[in-house]
Protein backbone atom coordinates (compact mmCIF):
# COMPACT_ATOMS: atom_id res chain seq x y z
CA MET A 1 13.32 14.74 -2.25
CA ALA A 2 13.67 16.00 1.32
CA VAL A 3 13.72 13.31 3.99
CA LEU A 4 13.31 13.08 7.77
CA TYR A 5 15.47 10.30 9.23
CA VAL A 6 14.32 8.71 12.49
CA VAL A 7 16.43 6.33 14.61
CA GLU A 8 14.99 4.69 17.75
CA TYR A 9 16.96 3.74 20.88
CA ALA A 10 16.01 2.01 24.11
CA GLN A 11 18.62 3.56 26.40
CA LEU A 12 21.80 5.53 26.82
CA GLY A 13 25.18 3.84 26.83
CA ARG A 14 27.11 3.22 30.04
CA GLU A 15 30.69 4.32 30.52
CA VAL A 16 33.05 1.50 31.50
CA TYR A 17 35.65 3.90 32.91
CA GLY A 18 33.25 6.20 34.78
CA GLY A 19 32.20 3.52 37.23
CA PRO A 20 29.36 1.02 37.14
CA GLY A 21 26.16 2.43 35.71
CA THR A 22 27.53 5.85 34.78
CA LEU A 23 25.41 7.12 31.88
CA ILE A 24 27.12 8.72 28.91
CA GLN A 25 25.65 11.13 26.41
CA ALA A 26 25.35 8.61 23.60
CA PRO A 27 22.64 6.10 22.71
CA LEU A 28 23.32 2.40 23.11
CA GLU A 29 23.78 0.76 19.72
CA PRO A 30 22.44 -1.07 17.87
CA ALA A 31 19.35 0.99 17.23
CA LEU A 32 15.96 -0.64 17.72
CA ALA A 33 14.57 0.64 14.41
CA THR A 34 14.98 3.26 11.69
CA GLN A 35 12.45 5.00 9.48
CA ASN A 36 12.70 7.54 6.67
CA ILE A 37 9.80 9.90 5.97
CA ALA A 38 9.46 12.02 2.83
CA ILE A 39 8.89 15.67 3.77
CA GLY A 40 6.07 17.38 1.91
CA SER A 41 3.73 20.37 2.02
CA SER A 42 1.19 18.47 4.12
CA SER A 43 1.71 16.56 7.38
CA VAL A 44 3.04 13.03 6.94
CA GLN A 45 3.30 10.46 9.77
CA CYS A 46 5.81 7.67 10.03
CA THR A 47 4.38 4.36 8.85
CA ASN A 48 4.95 2.41 12.06
CA PRO A 49 4.58 3.50 15.68
CA PHE A 50 7.81 3.54 17.67
CA ASN A 51 8.96 0.29 19.25
CA ASP A 52 7.50 -0.28 22.75
CA GLN A 53 11.04 -0.11 24.18
CA THR A 54 11.96 3.19 22.48
CA THR A 55 12.75 6.01 24.91
CA LEU A 56 15.19 8.06 22.81
CA VAL A 57 14.73 9.14 19.20
CA LEU A 58 17.38 10.70 16.95
CA VAL A 59 15.74 12.88 14.32
CA SER A 60 17.75 14.35 11.45
CA THR A 61 16.65 16.18 8.35
CA ASP A 62 18.13 17.42 5.11
CA ALA A 63 15.52 20.21 4.76
CA ILE A 64 13.84 22.82 6.94
CA CYS A 65 10.77 21.22 8.51
CA SER A 66 8.51 21.08 11.57
CA ILE A 67 7.82 17.91 13.56
CA ALA A 68 5.23 16.71 16.06
CA PHE A 69 5.06 13.63 18.31
CA GLY A 70 2.00 11.77 19.60
CA THR A 71 -0.22 8.77 19.06
CA ASN A 72 -1.77 10.45 15.99
CA PRO A 73 0.36 13.56 15.37
CA ASN A 74 -0.42 16.23 12.81
CA ALA A 75 2.61 18.41 12.09
CA LYS A 76 2.03 22.12 11.53
CA SER A 77 4.48 24.88 10.67
CA THR A 78 4.02 26.19 14.23
CA ASN A 79 5.37 22.93 15.74
CA HIS A 80 9.01 22.25 16.63
CA ARG A 81 11.10 23.64 13.74
CA MET A 82 14.27 21.91 12.60
CA ALA A 83 16.90 23.54 10.42
CA ALA A 84 18.19 21.87 7.28
CA ASN A 85 20.97 19.35 7.97
CA ALA A 86 20.16 19.33 11.68
CA ALA A 87 20.04 16.38 14.07
CA GLN A 88 18.45 16.30 17.52
CA PHE A 89 17.63 13.72 20.20
CA PHE A 90 14.18 13.57 21.79
CA ALA A 91 13.10 11.54 24.83
CA ILE A 92 9.70 9.88 24.59
CA PRO A 93 7.70 7.67 26.96
CA ALA A 94 8.13 3.96 26.26
CA GLY A 95 5.15 1.81 25.30
CA LYS A 96 2.86 4.67 24.21
CA GLN A 97 2.63 3.77 20.49
CA PHE A 98 4.01 7.20 19.63
CA LYS A 99 4.63 8.33 16.06
CA ILE A 100 6.29 11.36 14.52
CA ALA A 101 4.83 13.60 11.83
CA VAL A 102 6.66 16.07 9.60
CA ILE A 103 5.79 18.99 7.32
CA THR A 104 7.96 21.34 5.29
CA ASN A 105 8.71 24.78 6.74
CA SER A 106 10.72 27.85 5.79
């Protein structure tokens, strides 16, 4: 079964050696939440909306798929396409009750 893995973060990490407040290109652990979504031939949304503090989402997939974000997203094959075994970060607005939806693609 193909799966979309979603990890939610509140902020980027800060580099101790780069000076106070210097952002680094890595999310601050621990993650706020994680969700796994089975990828199918019709659009499937995550069960729970993102945490109100989530501003950064790591999305990874083990199959070719398309994803969509929103308060009630409906993924279509014309949406953002992800390659199999890919991972990508997305910034989202905090407190918007956003979800992600996924559908298989080729």
